[in-house]
Amino acid sequence: MGVVREVKRGDTTFIFCDDYCKDTTPEEVQASKKRLGEIAYPALRAKYLREEKTG
């Protein structure tokens, strides 16, 4: 495992490694992007709507 980057934010440390996606197929990349969108979109939309109501 090769650590590419380490980022600290508060009490959390994010460690990015190059072995996670080294052998990833294009289909796996698309599936990961889709899943990320399924998780992130509702949260981002809710944040936007909250800000719109208060702003």
N, C-alpha and C. Protein backbone atom coordinates (compact mmCIF):
# COMPACT_ATOMS: atom_id res chain seq x y z
N MET A 1 0.84 -1.17 0.00
CA MET A 1 0.00 0.00 0.00
C MET A 1 0.89 1.23 0.00
N GLY A 2 0.68 2.09 -0.98
CA GLY A 2 1.44 3.32 -1.05
C GLY A 2 0.56 4.51 -0.67
N VAL A 3 0.92 5.19 0.41
CA VAL A 3 0.17 6.37 0.81
C VAL A 3 0.53 7.52 -0.12
N VAL A 4 -0.47 8.05 -0.79
CA VAL A 4 -0.28 9.13 -1.74
C VAL A 4 -0.40 10.48 -1.05
N ARG A 5 -1.37 10.56 -0.12
CA ARG A 5 -1.60 11.83 0.55
C ARG A 5 -2.28 11.58 1.89
N GLU A 6 -1.93 12.39 2.86
CA GLU A 6 -2.56 12.31 4.17
C GLU A 6 -3.04 13.71 4.54
N VAL A 7 -4.33 13.84 4.87
CA VAL A 7 -4.93 15.13 5.19
C VAL A 7 -5.57 15.04 6.56
N LYS A 8 -5.29 16.03 7.42
CA LYS A 8 -5.89 16.07 8.74
C LYS A 8 -6.87 17.23 8.79
N ARG A 9 -8.09 16.94 9.23
CA ARG A 9 -9.13 17.96 9.43
C ARG A 9 -9.73 17.71 10.81
N GLY A 10 -9.41 18.56 11.74
CA GLY A 10 -9.91 18.36 13.10
C GLY A 10 -9.37 17.07 13.67
N ASP A 11 -10.26 16.25 14.17
CA ASP A 11 -9.86 14.96 14.75
C ASP A 11 -9.82 13.83 13.73
N THR A 12 -10.08 14.16 12.47
CA THR A 12 -10.16 13.14 11.43
C THR A 12 -8.93 13.19 10.53
N THR A 13 -8.41 12.02 10.19
CA THR A 13 -7.28 11.91 9.26
C THR A 13 -7.75 11.12 8.05
N PHE A 14 -7.61 11.71 6.87
CA PHE A 14 -7.93 11.04 5.61
C PHE A 14 -6.62 10.55 5.01
N ILE A 15 -6.56 9.27 4.70
CA ILE A 15 -5.36 8.70 4.10
C ILE A 15 -5.73 8.16 2.72
N PHE A 16 -5.07 8.69 1.70
CA PHE A 16 -5.34 8.28 0.32
C PHE A 16 -4.20 7.37 -0.14
N CYS A 17 -4.58 6.18 -0.60
CA CYS A 17 -3.61 5.19 -1.03
C CYS A 17 -3.77 4.90 -2.51
N ASP A 18 -2.69 4.57 -3.19
CA ASP A 18 -2.75 4.34 -4.63
C ASP A 18 -3.17 2.92 -5.00
N ASP A 19 -3.23 2.03 -4.04
CA ASP A 19 -3.58 0.65 -4.39
C ASP A 19 -5.08 0.43 -4.51
N TYR A 20 -5.89 1.36 -4.04
CA TYR A 20 -7.35 1.17 -4.10
C TYR A 20 -7.85 1.15 -5.54
N CYS A 21 -7.39 2.06 -6.36
CA CYS A 21 -7.94 2.17 -7.72
C CYS A 21 -6.95 1.77 -8.81
N LYS A 22 -5.82 1.23 -8.43
CA LYS A 22 -4.79 0.87 -9.41
C LYS A 22 -5.29 -0.12 -10.46
N ASP A 23 -6.04 -1.12 -10.04
CA ASP A 23 -6.51 -2.16 -10.97
C ASP A 23 -8.03 -2.07 -11.20
N THR A 24 -8.58 -0.89 -11.07
CA THR A 24 -10.02 -0.71 -11.21
C THR A 24 -10.41 -0.64 -12.68
N THR A 25 -11.47 -1.37 -13.02
CA THR A 25 -11.96 -1.36 -14.40
C THR A 25 -12.84 -0.13 -14.63
N PRO A 26 -13.03 0.28 -15.88
CA PRO A 26 -13.93 1.41 -16.16
C PRO A 26 -15.35 1.18 -15.62
N GLU A 27 -15.81 -0.05 -15.64
CA GLU A 27 -17.14 -0.37 -15.11
C GLU A 27 -17.20 -0.14 -13.60
N GLU A 28 -16.13 -0.50 -12.90
CA GLU A 28 -16.07 -0.29 -11.45
C GLU A 28 -16.01 1.20 -11.13
N VAL A 29 -15.32 1.96 -11.95
CA VAL A 29 -15.25 3.41 -11.76
C VAL A 29 -16.64 4.02 -11.91
N GLN A 30 -17.37 3.63 -12.94
CA GLN A 30 -18.72 4.13 -13.16
C GLN A 30 -19.64 3.75 -11.99
N ALA A 31 -19.53 2.53 -11.51
CA ALA A 31 -20.36 2.09 -10.38
C ALA A 31 -20.03 2.90 -9.12
N SER A 32 -18.75 3.21 -8.91
CA SER A 32 -18.36 4.02 -7.76
C SER A 32 -18.90 5.43 -7.88
N LYS A 33 -18.83 6.02 -9.08
CA LYS A 33 -19.36 7.37 -9.30
C LYS A 33 -20.86 7.40 -9.06
N LYS A 34 -21.56 6.38 -9.54
CA LYS A 34 -23.01 6.31 -9.36
C LYS A 34 -23.35 6.23 -7.88
N ARG A 35 -22.66 5.39 -7.16
CA ARG A 35 -22.92 5.23 -5.71
C ARG A 35 -22.61 6.53 -4.97
N LEU A 36 -21.54 7.19 -5.32
CA LEU A 36 -21.19 8.46 -4.70
C LEU A 36 -22.31 9.48 -4.91
N GLY A 37 -22.83 9.54 -6.12
CA GLY A 37 -23.94 10.44 -6.43
C GLY A 37 -25.18 10.11 -5.63
N GLU A 38 -25.47 8.82 -5.47
CA GLU A 38 -26.63 8.40 -4.70
C GLU A 38 -26.52 8.82 -3.24
N ILE A 39 -25.31 8.86 -2.73
CA ILE A 39 -25.08 9.25 -1.34
C ILE A 39 -25.01 10.78 -1.21
N ALA A 40 -24.26 11.42 -2.08
CA ALA A 40 -23.98 12.85 -1.94
C ALA A 40 -25.14 13.74 -2.39
N TYR A 41 -25.83 13.39 -3.45
CA TYR A 41 -26.85 14.27 -4.00
C TYR A 41 -27.95 14.63 -2.99
N PRO A 42 -28.53 13.65 -2.30
CA PRO A 42 -29.58 14.02 -1.34
C PRO A 42 -29.07 14.96 -0.24
N ALA A 43 -27.86 14.74 0.23
CA ALA A 43 -27.31 15.60 1.27
C ALA A 43 -27.05 17.00 0.75
N LEU A 44 -26.50 17.11 -0.45
CA LEU A 44 -26.24 18.42 -1.04
C LEU A 44 -27.54 19.16 -1.35
N ARG A 45 -28.52 18.44 -1.83
CA ARG A 45 -29.82 19.05 -2.13
C ARG A 45 -30.49 19.56 -0.86
N ALA A 46 -30.44 18.76 0.20
CA ALA A 46 -31.03 19.17 1.48
C ALA A 46 -30.34 20.41 2.02
N LYS A 47 -29.03 20.46 1.90
CA LYS A 47 -28.27 21.63 2.36
C LYS A 47 -28.69 22.86 1.56
N TYR A 48 -28.81 22.72 0.28
CA TYR A 48 -29.21 23.83 -0.59
C TYR A 48 -30.60 24.33 -0.20
N LEU A 49 -31.54 23.42 0.01
CA LEU A 49 -32.90 23.80 0.37
C LEU A 49 -32.96 24.48 1.74
N ARG A 50 -32.16 24.01 2.68
CA ARG A 50 -32.10 24.65 4.00
C ARG A 50 -31.60 26.08 3.88
N GLU A 51 -30.52 26.26 3.10
CA GLU A 51 -29.94 27.59 2.92
C GLU A 51 -30.91 28.51 2.18
N GLU A 52 -31.66 27.96 1.25
CA GLU A 52 -32.62 28.76 0.48
C GLU A 52 -33.75 29.27 1.40
N LYS A 53 -34.16 28.45 2.34
CA LYS A 53 -35.24 28.85 3.27
C LYS A 53 -34.77 29.90 4.27
N THR A 54 -33.49 29.82 4.67
CA THR A 54 -32.98 30.74 5.68
C THR A 54 -32.35 31.98 5.08
N GLY A 55 -32.05 31.94 3.81
CA GLY A 55 -31.29 32.99 3.20
C GLY A 55 -32.03 34.08 2.62
